PDB file of N, CA and C in Angstrom:
ATOM      1  N   UNK A   1       0.878  -1.248   0.008  1.00  0.00           N
ATOM      2  CA  UNK A   1      -0.083  -0.115  -0.096  1.00  0.00           C
ATOM      3  C   UNK A   1       0.771   1.226   0.091  1.00  0.00           C
ATOM      4  N   UNK A   2       0.415   2.306  -0.665  1.00  0.00           N
ATOM      5  CA  UNK A   2       1.238   3.404  -0.804  1.00  0.00           C
ATOM      6  C   UNK A   2       1.113   4.277   0.384  1.00  0.00           C
ATOM      7  N   UNK A   3       2.309   5.040   0.905  1.00  0.00           N
ATOM      8  CA  UNK A   3       2.154   5.783   2.076  1.00  0.00           C
ATOM      9  C   UNK A   3       1.274   7.113   1.814  1.00  0.00           C
ATOM     10  N   UNK A   4       0.644   7.585   2.832  1.00  0.00           N
ATOM     11  CA  UNK A   4      -0.370   8.598   2.637  1.00  0.00           C
ATOM     12  C   UNK A   4       0.207   9.989   2.364  1.00  0.00           C
ATOM     13  N   UNK A   5       1.691  10.025   2.848  1.00  0.00           N
ATOM     14  CA  UNK A   5       2.360  11.388   2.550  1.00  0.00           C
ATOM     15  C   UNK A   5       2.340  11.618   1.058  1.00  0.00           C
ATOM     16  N   UNK A   6       2.488  10.704   0.112  1.00  0.00           N
ATOM     17  CA  UNK A   6       2.756  10.920  -1.210  1.00  0.00           C
ATOM     18  C   UNK A   6       1.507  11.749  -1.851  1.00  0.00           C
ATOM     19  N   UNK A   7       0.233  11.076  -1.664  1.00  0.00           N
ATOM     20  CA  UNK A   7      -0.815  11.740  -2.263  1.00  0.00           C
ATOM     21  C   UNK A   7      -1.015  13.121  -1.635  1.00  0.00           C
ATOM     22  N   UNK A   8      -0.795  13.283  -0.444  1.00  0.00           N
ATOM     23  CA  UNK A   8      -0.980  14.579   0.420  1.00  0.00           C
ATOM     24  C   UNK A   8      -0.004  15.598  -0.166  1.00  0.00           C
ATOM     25  N   UNK A   9       1.289  15.201  -0.546  1.00  0.00           N
ATOM     26  CA  UNK A   9       2.217  15.997  -1.134  1.00  0.00           C
ATOM     27  C   UNK A   9       1.904  16.297  -2.581  1.00  0.00           C
ATOM     28  N   UNK A  10       1.263  15.396  -3.377  1.00  0.00           N
ATOM     29  CA  UNK A  10       0.883  15.668  -4.599  1.00  0.00           C
ATOM     30  C   UNK A  10      -0.427  16.743  -4.846  1.00  0.00           C
ATOM     31  N   UNK A  11      -1.116  16.510  -3.846  1.00  0.00           N
ATOM     32  CA  UNK A  11      -2.331  17.522  -3.671  1.00  0.00           C
ATOM     33  C   UNK A  11      -1.855  18.859  -3.330  1.00  0.00           C
ATOM     34  N   UNK A  12      -0.838  18.861  -2.492  1.00  0.00           N
ATOM     35  CA  UNK A  12      -0.381  20.222  -2.113  1.00  0.00           C
ATOM     36  C   UNK A  12       0.577  20.916  -3.173  1.00  0.00           C
ATOM     37  N   UNK A  13       1.103  20.058  -4.085  1.00  0.00           N
ATOM     38  CA  UNK A  13       1.858  20.645  -5.251  1.00  0.00           C
ATOM     39  C   UNK A  13       0.876  21.224  -6.206  1.00  0.00           C
ATOM     40  N   UNK A  14      -0.256  20.423  -6.435  1.00  0.00           N
ATOM     41  CA  UNK A  14      -1.054  20.849  -7.442  1.00  0.00           C
ATOM     42  C   UNK A  14      -1.852  22.084  -7.046  1.00  0.00           C
ATOM     43  N   UNK A  15      -2.225  22.206  -5.736  1.00  0.00           N
ATOM     44  CA  UNK A  15      -2.844  23.328  -5.329  1.00  0.00           C
ATOM     45  C   UNK A  15      -1.807  24.612  -5.422  1.00  0.00           C
ATOM     46  N   UNK A  16      -0.534  24.431  -4.968  1.00  0.00           N
ATOM     47  CA  UNK A  16       0.295  25.498  -5.059  1.00  0.00           C
ATOM     48  C   UNK A  16       0.568  26.018  -6.373  1.00  0.00           C
ATOM     49  N   UNK A  17       0.797  25.087  -7.369  1.00  0.00           N
ATOM     50  CA  UNK A  17       0.804  25.392  -8.570  1.00  0.00           C
ATOM     51  C   UNK A  17      -0.338  26.272  -9.318  1.00  0.00           C
ATOM     52  N   UNK A  18      -1.538  25.776  -8.873  1.00  0.00           N
ATOM     53  CA  UNK A  18      -2.736  26.396  -9.235  1.00  0.00           C
ATOM     54  C   UNK A  18      -2.754  27.823  -8.615  1.00  0.00           C
ATOM     55  N   UNK A  19      -2.501  28.004  -7.416  1.00  0.00           N
ATOM     56  CA  UNK A  19      -2.566  29.342  -6.822  1.00  0.00           C
ATOM     57  C   UNK A  19      -1.451  30.245  -7.379  1.00  0.00           C
ATOM     58  N   UNK A  20      -0.294  29.696  -7.710  1.00  0.00           N
ATOM     59  CA  UNK A  20       0.728  30.565  -8.312  1.00  0.00           C
ATOM     60  C   UNK A  20       0.274  30.978  -9.789  1.00  0.00           C
ATOM     61  N   UNK A  21      -0.371  30.085 -10.552  1.00  0.00           N
ATOM     62  CA  UNK A  21      -0.913  30.423 -11.740  1.00  0.00           C
ATOM     63  C   UNK A  21      -1.984  31.448 -11.857  1.00  0.00           C
ATOM     64  N   UNK A  22      -2.838  31.384 -10.863  1.00  0.00           N
ATOM     65  CA  UNK A  22      -4.027  32.330 -10.676  1.00  0.00           C
ATOM     66  C   UNK A  22      -3.233  33.773 -10.372  1.00  0.00           C
ATOM     67  N   UNK A  23      -2.183  33.863  -9.465  1.00  0.00           N
ATOM     68  CA  UNK A  23      -1.678  35.012  -9.015  1.00  0.00           C
ATOM     69  C   UNK A  23      -0.875  35.560 -10.214  1.00  0.00           C
ATOM     70  N   UNK A  24      -0.269  34.908 -11.025  1.00  0.00           N
ATOM     71  CA  UNK A  24       0.565  35.552 -12.109  1.00  0.00           C
ATOM     72  C   UNK A  24      -0.333  35.939 -13.190  1.00  0.00           C
ATOM     73  N   UNK A  25      -1.434  35.391 -13.403  1.00  0.00           N
ATOM     74  CA  UNK A  25      -2.526  35.909 -14.338  1.00  0.00           C
ATOM     75  C   UNK A  25      -2.081  36.576 -15.510  1.00  0.00           C
ATOM     76  N   UNK A  26      -1.445  35.980 -16.596  1.00  0.00           N
ATOM     77  CA  UNK A  26      -1.137  36.812 -17.716  1.00  0.00           C
ATOM     78  C   UNK A  26      -2.218  36.602 -18.830  1.00  0.00           C
ATOM     79  N   UNK A  27      -2.829  35.336 -18.871  1.00  0.00           N
ATOM     80  CA  UNK A  27      -3.880  35.030 -19.946  1.00  0.00           C
ATOM     81  C   UNK A  27      -5.050  34.417 -19.354  1.00  0.00           C
ATOM     82  N   UNK A  28      -6.296  34.653 -19.703  1.00  0.00           N
ATOM     83  CA  UNK A  28      -7.459  34.201 -19.223  1.00  0.00           C
ATOM     84  C   UNK A  28      -7.404  32.681 -19.187  1.00  0.00           C
ATOM     85  N   UNK A  29      -6.984  32.077 -20.411  1.00  0.00           N
ATOM     86  CA  UNK A  29      -7.042  30.658 -20.517  1.00  0.00           C
ATOM     87  C   UNK A  29      -6.010  30.027 -19.399  1.00  0.00           C
ATOM     88  N   UNK A  30      -4.985  30.655 -19.071  1.00  0.00           N
ATOM     89  CA  UNK A  30      -3.922  30.094 -18.260  1.00  0.00           C
ATOM     90  C   UNK A  30      -4.519  30.098 -16.851  1.00  0.00           C
ATOM     91  N   UNK A  31      -5.321  31.263 -16.516  1.00  0.00           N
ATOM     92  CA  UNK A  31      -6.004  31.383 -15.146  1.00  0.00           C
ATOM     93  C   UNK A  31      -7.007  30.169 -15.011  1.00  0.00           C
ATOM     94  N   UNK A  32      -7.678  29.872 -16.286  1.00  0.00           N
ATOM     95  CA  UNK A  32      -8.544  28.831 -16.251  1.00  0.00           C
ATOM     96  C   UNK A  32      -7.963  27.370 -15.921  1.00  0.00           C
ATOM     97  N   UNK A  33      -6.871  27.242 -16.640  1.00  0.00           N
ATOM     98  CA  UNK A  33      -6.025  26.060 -16.279  1.00  0.00           C
ATOM     99  C   UNK A  33      -5.563  26.040 -14.796  1.00  0.00           C
ATOM    100  N   UNK A  34      -5.120  27.119 -14.312  1.00  0.00           N
ATOM    101  CA  UNK A  34      -4.608  27.130 -13.060  1.00  0.00           C
ATOM    102  C   UNK A  34      -5.827  26.805 -12.006  1.00  0.00           C
ATOM    103  N   UNK A  35      -6.999  27.317 -12.138  1.00  0.00           N
ATOM    104  CA  UNK A  35      -8.158  26.833 -11.304  1.00  0.00           C
ATOM    105  C   UNK A  35      -8.512  25.418 -11.373  1.00  0.00           C
ATOM    106  N   UNK A  36      -8.333  24.851 -12.638  1.00  0.00           N
ATOM    107  CA  UNK A  36      -8.445  23.409 -12.818  1.00  0.00           C
ATOM    108  C   UNK A  36      -7.319  22.684 -12.061  1.00  0.00           C
ATOM    109  N   UNK A  37      -6.106  23.101 -11.923  1.00  0.00           N
ATOM    110  CA  UNK A  37      -5.188  22.511 -11.002  1.00  0.00           C
ATOM    111  C   UNK A  37      -5.605  22.486  -9.644  1.00  0.00           C
ATOM    112  N   UNK A  38      -6.199  23.638  -9.143  1.00  0.00           N
ATOM    113  CA  UNK A  38      -6.676  23.671  -7.899  1.00  0.00           C
ATOM    114  C   UNK A  38      -7.668  22.639  -7.585  1.00  0.00           C
ATOM    115  N   UNK A  39      -8.557  22.472  -8.533  1.00  0.00           N
ATOM    116  CA  UNK A  39      -9.672  21.563  -8.340  1.00  0.00           C
ATOM    117  C   UNK A  39      -9.117  20.034  -8.475  1.00  0.00           C
ATOM    118  N   UNK A  40      -8.039  19.828  -9.189  1.00  0.00           N
ATOM    119  CA  UNK A  40      -7.484  18.632  -9.203  1.00  0.00           C
ATOM    120  C   UNK A  40      -6.761  18.251  -7.844  1.00  0.00           C
ATOM    121  N   UNK A  41      -6.196  19.216  -7.318  1.00  0.00           N
ATOM    122  CA  UNK A  41      -5.522  19.012  -5.982  1.00  0.00           C
ATOM    123  C   UNK A  41      -6.582  18.726  -5.049  1.00  0.00           C
ATOM    124  N   UNK A  42      -7.805  19.388  -4.998  1.00  0.00           N
ATOM    125  CA  UNK A  42      -8.869  18.969  -4.127  1.00  0.00           C
ATOM    126  C   UNK A  42      -9.504  17.609  -4.380  1.00  0.00           C
ATOM    127  N   UNK A  43      -9.415  17.201  -5.684  1.00  0.00           N
ATOM    128  CA  UNK A  43      -9.848  15.788  -5.883  1.00  0.00           C
ATOM    129  C   UNK A  43      -8.964  14.841  -5.290  1.00  0.00           C
ATOM    130  N   UNK A  44      -7.621  15.043  -5.505  1.00  0.00           N
ATOM    131  CA  UNK A  44      -6.629  13.975  -4.915  1.00  0.00           C
ATOM    132  C   UNK A  44      -6.740  14.035  -3.425  1.00  0.00           C
ATOM    133  N   UNK A  45      -6.954  15.128  -2.812  1.00  0.00           N
ATOM    134  CA  UNK A  45      -7.296  15.123  -1.335  1.00  0.00           C
ATOM    135  C   UNK A  45      -8.412  14.425  -0.847  1.00  0.00           C
ATOM    136  N   UNK A  46      -9.557  14.562  -1.624  1.00  0.00           N
ATOM    137  CA  UNK A  46     -10.744  14.016  -1.293  1.00  0.00           C
ATOM    138  C   UNK A  46     -10.680  12.337  -1.330  1.00  0.00           C
ATOM    139  N   UNK A  47     -10.020  12.009  -2.446  1.00  0.00           N
ATOM    140  CA  UNK A  47      -9.984  10.509  -2.618  1.00  0.00           C
ATOM    141  C   UNK A  47      -8.868   9.904  -1.521  1.00  0.00           C
ATOM    142  N   UNK A  48      -7.696  10.691  -1.290  1.00  0.00           N
ATOM    143  CA  UNK A  48      -6.816  10.225  -0.202  1.00  0.00           C
ATOM    144  C   UNK A  48      -7.480  10.203   1.099  1.00  0.00           C
ATOM    145  N   UNK A  49      -8.298  11.215   1.451  1.00  0.00           N
ATOM    146  CA  UNK A  49      -8.906  11.006   2.699  1.00  0.00           C
ATOM    147  C   UNK A  49      -9.968  10.044   2.907  1.00  0.00           C
ATOM    148  N   UNK A  50     -10.684   9.811   1.640  1.00  0.00           N
ATOM    149  CA  UNK A  50     -11.542   8.671   1.663  1.00  0.00           C
ATOM    150  C   UNK A  50     -11.010   7.241   1.797  1.00  0.00           C
ATOM    151  N   UNK A  51      -9.715   7.132   1.228  1.00  0.00           N
ATOM    152  CA  UNK A  51      -8.976   5.918   1.542  1.00  0.00           C
ATOM    153  C   UNK A  51      -8.434   5.747   2.957  1.00  0.00           C
ATOM    154  N   UNK A  52      -8.149   6.922   3.512  1.00  0.00           N
ATOM    155  CA  UNK A  52      -7.373   6.851   4.846  1.00  0.00           C
ATOM    156  C   UNK A  52      -8.419   6.818   5.940  1.00  0.00           C
ATOM    157  N   UNK A  53      -9.732   7.084   5.721  1.00  0.00           N
ATOM    158  CA  UNK A  53     -10.783   6.966   6.557  1.00  0.00           C
ATOM    159  C   UNK A  53     -11.154   5.706   7.095  1.00  0.00           C
ATOM    160  N   UNK A  54     -11.723   5.500   8.311  1.00  0.00           N
ATOM    161  CA  UNK A  54     -12.003   4.166   8.718  1.00  0.00           C
ATOM    162  C   UNK A  54     -13.213   3.548   8.055  1.00  0.00           C
ATOM    163  N   UNK A  55     -14.184   4.297   7.325  1.00  0.00           N
ATOM    164  CA  UNK A  55     -15.383   3.903   6.756  1.00  0.00           C
ATOM    165  C   UNK A  55     -15.073   4.060   5.241  1.00  0.00           C
ATOM    166  N   UNK A  56     -15.255   2.915   4.541  1.00  0.00           N
ATOM    167  CA  UNK A  56     -14.992   2.783   2.954  1.00  0.00           C
ATOM    168  C   UNK A  56     -16.280   3.296   2.335  1.00  0.00           C
ATOM    169  N   UNK A  57     -17.335   3.355   2.986  1.00  0.00           N
ATOM    170  CA  UNK A  57     -18.761   3.890   2.269  1.00  0.00           C
ATOM    171  C   UNK A  57     -19.007   5.220   2.623  1.00  0.00           C
ATOM    172  N   UNK A  58     -18.126   6.033   3.034  1.00  0.00           N
ATOM    173  CA  UNK A  58     -18.406   7.395   3.239  1.00  0.00           C
ATOM    174  C   UNK A  58     -18.682   8.296   1.973  1.00  0.00           C
ATOM    175  N   UNK A  59     -18.931   9.527   2.283  1.00  0.00           N
ATOM    176  CA  UNK A  59     -19.217  10.441   1.059  1.00  0.00           C
ATOM    177  C   UNK A  59     -17.894  10.833   0.417  1.00  0.00           C
ATOM    178  N   UNK A  60     -16.700  10.447   0.712  1.00  0.00           N
ATOM    179  CA  UNK A  60     -15.504  10.774   0.149  1.00  0.00           C
ATOM    180  C   UNK A  60     -15.436  10.174  -1.165  1.00  0.00           C
ATOM    181  N   UNK A  61     -16.059   9.059  -1.470  1.00  0.00           N
ATOM    182  CA  UNK A  61     -15.869   8.376  -2.633  1.00  0.00           C
ATOM    183  C   UNK A  61     -16.876   8.892  -3.708  1.00  0.00           C
ATOM    184  N   UNK A  62     -17.940   9.681  -3.298  1.00  0.00           N
ATOM    185  CA  UNK A  62     -19.066  10.181  -4.229  1.00  0.00           C
ATOM    186  C   UNK A  62     -18.677  11.708  -4.482  1.00  0.00           C
ATOM    187  N   UNK A  63     -17.997  12.341  -3.500  1.00  0.00           N
ATOM    188  CA  UNK A  63     -17.758  13.814  -3.606  1.00  0.00           C
ATOM    189  C   UNK A  63     -16.958  14.047  -4.644  1.00  0.00           C
ATOM    190  N   UNK A  64     -15.791  13.279  -5.126  1.00  0.00           N
ATOM    191  CA  UNK A  64     -15.096  13.638  -6.244  1.00  0.00           C
ATOM    192  C   UNK A  64     -15.894  13.721  -7.498  1.00  0.00           C
ATOM    193  N   UNK A  65     -16.782  12.815  -7.505  1.00  0.00           N
ATOM    194  CA  UNK A  65     -17.588  12.837  -8.791  1.00  0.00           C
ATOM    195  C   UNK A  65     -18.360  14.150  -9.026  1.00  0.00           C
ATOM    196  N   UNK A  66     -18.927  14.598  -7.901  1.00  0.00           N
ATOM    197  CA  UNK A  66     -19.518  16.055  -7.964  1.00  0.00           C
ATOM    198  C   UNK A  66     -18.447  17.214  -8.361  1.00  0.00           C
ATOM    199  N   UNK A  67     -17.321  16.939  -7.836  1.00  0.00           N
ATOM    200  CA  UNK A  67     -16.212  18.131  -8.108  1.00  0.00           C
ATOM    201  C   UNK A  67     -15.958  17.911  -9.553  1.00  0.00           C
ATOM    202  N   UNK A  68     -15.776  16.832 -10.068  1.00  0.00           N
ATOM    203  CA  UNK A  68     -15.456  16.552 -11.488  1.00  0.00           C
ATOM    204  C   UNK A  68     -16.507  17.143 -12.388  1.00  0.00           C
ATOM    205  N   UNK A  69     -17.804  17.058 -12.094  1.00  0.00           N
ATOM    206  CA  UNK A  69     -19.089  17.429 -12.825  1.00  0.00           C
ATOM    207  C   UNK A  69     -18.914  19.109 -12.723  1.00  0.00           C
ATOM    208  N   UNK A  70     -18.784  19.579 -11.570  1.00  0.00           N
ATOM    209  CA  UNK A  70     -18.755  20.943 -11.301  1.00  0.00           C
ATOM    210  C   UNK A  70     -17.539  21.530 -12.247  1.00  0.00           C
ATOM    211  N   UNK A  71     -16.492  20.933 -12.233  1.00  0.00           N
ATOM    212  CA  UNK A  71     -15.195  21.441 -12.968  1.00  0.00           C
ATOM    213  C   UNK A  71     -15.440  21.463 -14.483  1.00  0.00           C
ATOM    214  N   UNK A  72     -16.153  20.451 -14.932  1.00  0.00           N
ATOM    215  CA  UNK A  72     -16.427  20.310 -16.306  1.00  0.00           C
ATOM    216  C   UNK A  72     -17.439  21.480 -16.800  1.00  0.00           C
ATOM    217  N   UNK A  73     -18.467  21.726 -15.895  1.00  0.00           N
ATOM    218  CA  UNK A  73     -19.306  22.780 -16.215  1.00  0.00           C
ATOM    219  C   UNK A  73     -18.764  24.208 -16.231  1.00  0.00           C
ATOM    220  N   UNK A  74     -17.869  24.250 -15.191  1.00  0.00           N
ATOM    221  CA  UNK A  74     -16.911  25.494 -15.056  1.00  0.00           C
ATOM    222  C   UNK A  74     -16.143  25.741 -16.339  1.00  0.00           C
ATOM    223  N   UNK A  75     -15.691  24.806 -16.772  1.00  0.00           N
ATOM    224  CA  UNK A  75     -14.661  24.873 -17.969  1.00  0.00           C
ATOM    225  C   UNK A  75     -15.563  25.303 -19.191  1.00  0.00           C
ATOM    226  N   UNK A  76     -16.695  24.888 -19.359  1.00  0.00           N
ATOM    227  CA  UNK A  76     -17.372  25.134 -20.517  1.00  0.00           C
ATOM    228  C   UNK A  76     -18.062  26.578 -20.443  1.00  0.00           C
ATOM    229  N   UNK A  77     -18.475  26.992 -19.320  1.00  0.00           N
ATOM    230  CA  UNK A  77     -18.911  28.308 -19.056  1.00  0.00           C
ATOM    231  C   UNK A  77     -17.776  29.333 -19.234  1.00  0.00           C
ATOM    232  N   UNK A  78     -16.588  29.049 -18.621  1.00  0.00           N
ATOM    233  CA  UNK A  78     -15.412  29.930 -18.657  1.00  0.00           C
ATOM    234  C   UNK A  78     -14.833  30.140 -20.083  1.00  0.00           C
ATOM    235  N   UNK A  79     -14.831  29.091 -20.736  1.00  0.00           N
ATOM    236  CA  UNK A  79     -14.477  29.030 -22.245  1.00  0.00           C
ATOM    237  C   UNK A  79     -15.440  29.913 -22.987  1.00  0.00           C
ATOM    238  N   UNK A  80     -16.602  29.866 -22.814  1.00  0.00           N
ATOM    239  CA  UNK A  80     -17.583  30.592 -23.562  1.00  0.00           C
ATOM    240  C   UNK A  80     -17.378  32.005 -23.247  1.00  0.00           C
ATOM    241  N   UNK A  81     -17.329  32.372 -22.032  1.00  0.00           N
ATOM    242  CA  UNK A  81     -16.910  33.724 -21.632  1.00  0.00           C
ATOM    243  C   UNK A  81     -15.622  34.392 -22.354  1.00  0.00           C
ATOM    244  N   UNK A  82     -14.690  33.440 -22.090  1.00  0.00           N
ATOM    245  CA  UNK A  82     -13.409  33.876 -22.811  1.00  0.00           C
ATOM    246  C   UNK A  82     -13.477  34.082 -24.191  1.00  0.00           C
ATOM    247  N   UNK A  83     -14.159  33.232 -24.826  1.00  0.00           N
ATOM    248  CA  UNK A  83     -14.417  33.344 -26.365  1.00  0.00           C
ATOM    249  C   UNK A  83     -15.226  34.595 -26.726  1.00  0.00           C
ATOM    250  N   UNK A  84     -16.157  34.969 -25.936  1.00  0.00           N
ATOM    251  CA  UNK A  84     -16.972  36.148 -26.141  1.00  0.00           C
ATOM    252  C   UNK A  84     -16.189  37.339 -25.960  1.00  0.00           C
ATOM    253  N   UNK A  85     -15.302  37.448 -24.912  1.00  0.00           N
ATOM    254  CA  UNK A  85     -14.395  38.681 -24.659  1.00  0.00           C
ATOM    255  C   UNK A  85     -13.408  38.609 -25.816  1.00  0.00           C
ATOM    256  N   UNK A  86     -12.954  37.602 -26.309  1.00  0.00           N
ATOM    257  CA  UNK A  86     -11.911  37.585 -27.331  1.00  0.00           C
ATOM    258  C   UNK A  86     -12.615  38.114 -28.620  1.00  0.00           C
ATOM    259  N   UNK A  87     -13.598  37.635 -28.848  1.00  0.00           N
ATOM    260  CA  UNK A  87     -14.402  38.405 -30.057  1.00  0.00           C
ATOM    261  C   UNK A  87     -14.718  39.818 -29.920  1.00  0.00           C
ATOM    262  N   UNK A  88     -14.850  40.245 -28.762  1.00  0.00           N
ATOM    263  CA  UNK A  88     -15.385  41.721 -28.548  1.00  0.00           C
ATOM    264  C   UNK A  88     -14.169  42.504 -28.444  1.00  0.00           C
ATOM    265  N   UNK A  89     -12.983  42.190 -27.836  1.00  0.00           N
ATOM    266  CA  UNK A  89     -11.703  42.842 -27.728  1.00  0.00           C
ATOM    267  C   UNK A  89     -10.742  42.578 -28.728  1.00  0.00           C
ATOM    268  N   UNK A  90     -10.506  41.219 -29.035  1.00  0.00           N
ATOM    269  CA  UNK A  90      -9.491  40.914 -29.824  1.00  0.00           C
ATOM    270  C   UNK A  90      -8.332  40.447 -29.203  1.00  0.00           C
ATOM    271  N   UNK A  91      -8.472  40.325 -27.768  1.00  0.00           N
ATOM    272  CA  UNK A  91      -7.448  39.778 -26.900  1.00  0.00           C
ATOM    273  C   UNK A  91      -7.945  39.341 -25.677  1.00  0.00           C
ATOM    274  N   UNK A  92      -7.223  38.399 -24.915  1.00  0.00           N
ATOM    275  CA  UNK A  92      -7.759  37.915 -23.727  1.00  0.00           C
ATOM    276  C   UNK A  92      -6.619  38.065 -22.518  1.00  0.00           C
ATOM    277  N   UNK A  93      -5.867  39.056 -22.697  1.00  0.00           N
ATOM    278  CA  UNK A  93      -4.799  39.151 -21.789  1.00  0.00           C
ATOM    279  C   UNK A  93      -5.312  40.020 -20.601  1.00  0.00           C
ATOM    280  N   UNK A  94      -5.233  39.393 -19.383  1.00  0.00           N
ATOM    281  CA  UNK A  94      -5.931  40.008 -18.339  1.00  0.00           C
ATOM    282  C   UNK A  94      -5.123  41.338 -17.804  1.00  0.00           C
ATOM    283  N   UNK A  95      -3.827  41.380 -18.032  1.00  0.00           N
ATOM    284  CA  UNK A  95      -3.161  42.702 -17.673  1.00  0.00           C
ATOM    285  C   UNK A  95      -3.640  43.899 -18.469  1.00  0.00           C
ATOM    286  N   UNK A  96      -3.817  43.580 -19.747  1.00  0.00           N
ATOM    287  CA  UNK A  96      -4.276  44.582 -20.573  1.00  0.00           C
ATOM    288  C   UNK A  96      -5.735  45.060 -20.131  1.00  0.00           C
ATOM    289  N   UNK A  97      -6.366  44.065 -19.792  1.00  0.00           N
ATOM    290  CA  UNK A  97      -7.783  44.540 -19.517  1.00  0.00           C
ATOM    291  C   UNK A  97      -7.830  45.350 -18.180  1.00  0.00           C
ATOM    292  N   UNK A  98      -7.116  45.071 -17.342  1.00  0.00           N
ATOM    293  CA  UNK A  98      -7.008  45.783 -16.060  1.00  0.00           C
ATOM    294  C   UNK A  98      -6.372  47.271 -16.256  1.00  0.00           C
ATOM    295  N   UNK A  99      -5.593  47.392 -17.318  1.00  0.00           N
ATOM    296  CA  UNK A  99      -4.882  48.635 -17.577  1.00  0.00           C
ATOM    297  C   UNK A  99      -5.757  49.481 -18.420  1.00  0.00           C
ATOM    298  N   UNK A 100      -6.842  48.934 -18.974  1.00  0.00           N
ATOM    299  CA  UNK A 100      -7.784  49.810 -19.842  1.00  0.00           C
ATOM    300  C   UNK A 100      -8.817  50.633 -18.986  1.00  0.00           C
ATOM    301  N   UNK A 101      -9.049  49.860 -17.782  1.00  0.00           N
ATOM    302  CA  UNK A 101     -10.041  50.485 -17.080  1.00  0.00           C
ATOM    303  C   UNK A 101      -9.439  51.744 -16.233  1.00  0.00           C
ATOM    304  N   UNK A 102     -10.199  52.933 -16.266  1.00  0.00           N
ATOM    305  CA  UNK A 102      -9.682  54.109 -15.510  1.00  0.00           C
ATOM    306  C   UNK A 102      -9.937  53.834 -14.062  1.00  0.00           C
ATOM    307  N   UNK A 103      -8.984  54.303 -13.199  1.00  0.00           N
ATOM    308  CA  UNK A 103      -9.178  54.189 -11.738  1.00  0.00           C
ATOM    309  C   UNK A 103     -10.044  55.299 -11.331  1.00  0.00           C
ATOM    310  N   UNK A 104     -10.926  55.000 -10.320  1.00  0.00           N
ATOM    311  CA  UNK A 104     -11.731  56.173  -9.750  1.00  0.00           C
ATOM    312  C   UNK A 104     -10.954  56.984  -8.837  1.00  0.00           C
ATOM    313  N   UNK A 105     -11.198  58.369  -8.967  1.00  0.00           N
ATOM    314  CA  UNK A 105     -10.540  59.298  -8.022  1.00  0.00           C
ATOM    315  C   UNK A 105     -11.110  58.991  -6.637  1.00  0.00           C
ATOM    316  N   UNK A 106     -10.231  59.598  -5.606  1.00  0.00           N
ATOM    317  CA  UNK A 106     -10.633  59.458  -4.223  1.00  0.00           C
ATOM    318  C   UNK A 106     -11.911  60.278  -3.904  1.00  0.00           C
ATOM    319  N   UNK A 107     -12.888  59.587  -3.289  1.00  0.00           N
ATOM    320  CA  UNK A 107     -14.097  60.225  -2.971  1.00  0.00           C
ATOM    321  C   UNK A 107     -15.203  60.161  -4.088  1.00  0.00           C
ATOM    322  N   UNK A 108     -14.731  59.683  -5.285  1.00  0.00           N
ATOM    323  CA  UNK A 108     -15.636  59.593  -6.371  1.00  0.00           C
ATOM    324  C   UNK A 108     -16.498  58.137  -6.192  1.00  0.00           C
ATOM    325  N   UNK A 109     -17.718  58.163  -6.618  1.00  0.00           N
ATOM    326  CA  UNK A 109     -18.394  57.060  -6.569  1.00  0.00           C
ATOM    327  C   UNK A 109     -18.512  56.214  -7.989  1.00  0.00           C
ATOM    328  N   UNK A 110     -17.933  56.880  -8.841  1.00  0.00           N
ATOM    329  CA  UNK A 110     -17.841  56.149 -10.167  1.00  0.00           C
ATOM    330  C   UNK A 110     -17.610  57.095 -11.300  1.00  0.00           C
ATOM    331  N   UNK A 111     -17.769  56.717 -12.625  1.00  0.00           N
ATOM    332  CA  UNK A 111     -17.487  57.663 -13.629  1.00  0.00           C
ATOM    333  C   UNK A 111     -18.583  58.850 -13.573  1.00  0.00           C
ATOM    334  N   UNK A 112     -17.984  60.011 -13.892  1.00  0.00           N
ATOM    335  CA  UNK A 112     -18.972  61.172 -14.116  1.00  0.00           C
ATOM    336  C   UNK A 112     -19.613  61.266 -15.306  1.00  0.00           C
ATOM    337  N   UNK A 113     -20.851  61.721 -15.403  1.00  0.00           N
ATOM    338  CA  UNK A 113     -21.567  61.800 -16.531  1.00  0.00           C
ATOM    339  C   UNK A 113     -20.878  62.870 -17.642  1.00  0.00           C
ATOM    340  N   UNK A 114     -21.092  62.681 -18.926  1.00  0.00           N
ATOM    341  CA  UNK A 114     -20.561  63.677 -19.831  1.00  0.00           C
ATOM    342  C   UNK A 114     -21.239  65.062 -19.638  1.00  0.00           C
ATOM    343  N   UNK A 115     -20.592  66.240 -19.935  1.00  0.00           N
ATOM    344  CA  UNK A 115     -21.176  67.380 -19.896  1.00  0.00           C
ATOM    345  C   UNK A 115     -22.431  67.543 -20.745  1.00  0.00           C
ATOM    346  N   UNK A 116     -23.481  68.076 -20.179  1.00  0.00           N
ATOM    347  CA  UNK A 116     -24.700  68.286 -20.952  1.00  0.00           C
ATOM    348  C   UNK A 116     -25.486  67.009 -20.996  1.00  0.00           C
ATOM    349  N   UNK A 117     -25.150  65.988 -20.316  1.00  0.00           N
ATOM    350  CA  UNK A 117     -25.967  64.645 -20.219  1.00  0.00           C
ATOM    351  C   UNK A 117     -26.941  64.814 -19.016  1.00  0.00           C
ATOM    352  N   UNK A 118     -28.135  64.245 -19.317  1.00  0.00           N
ATOM    353  CA  UNK A 118     -29.164  64.299 -18.287  1.00  0.00           C
ATOM    354  C   UNK A 118     -28.769  63.300 -17.222  1.00  0.00           C
ATOM    355  N   UNK A 119     -29.029  63.591 -15.829  1.00  0.00           N
ATOM    356  CA  UNK A 119     -28.684  62.655 -14.895  1.00  0.00           C
ATOM    357  C   UNK A 119     -29.529  61.589 -14.593  1.00  0.00           C
TER     358      UNK A 119
END
């Protein structure tokens, strides 16, 4: 039987790589892949704790199926949003998207209306 430290280390590595990928966020697709790495680490952790637990019929054997289903749905929706943004802007670089938005001034509640515009 495999020692339980190995799957825990793999789960920690997957989650660590995923968090690093989300924090570096250069491209929307890469952020999506990083989120999938985090979910994969959670799956490994769920399966490992299900094997390590005293009861083999616990929810730890069913929970990974739900996580995989949610991950598949998340990928489909996220790719659709990324594709729509790419068609509208022509790029999916998250750093450029953050630079395009003007920063609100201190004390301002949002963008000011154009001169002569009705409130």
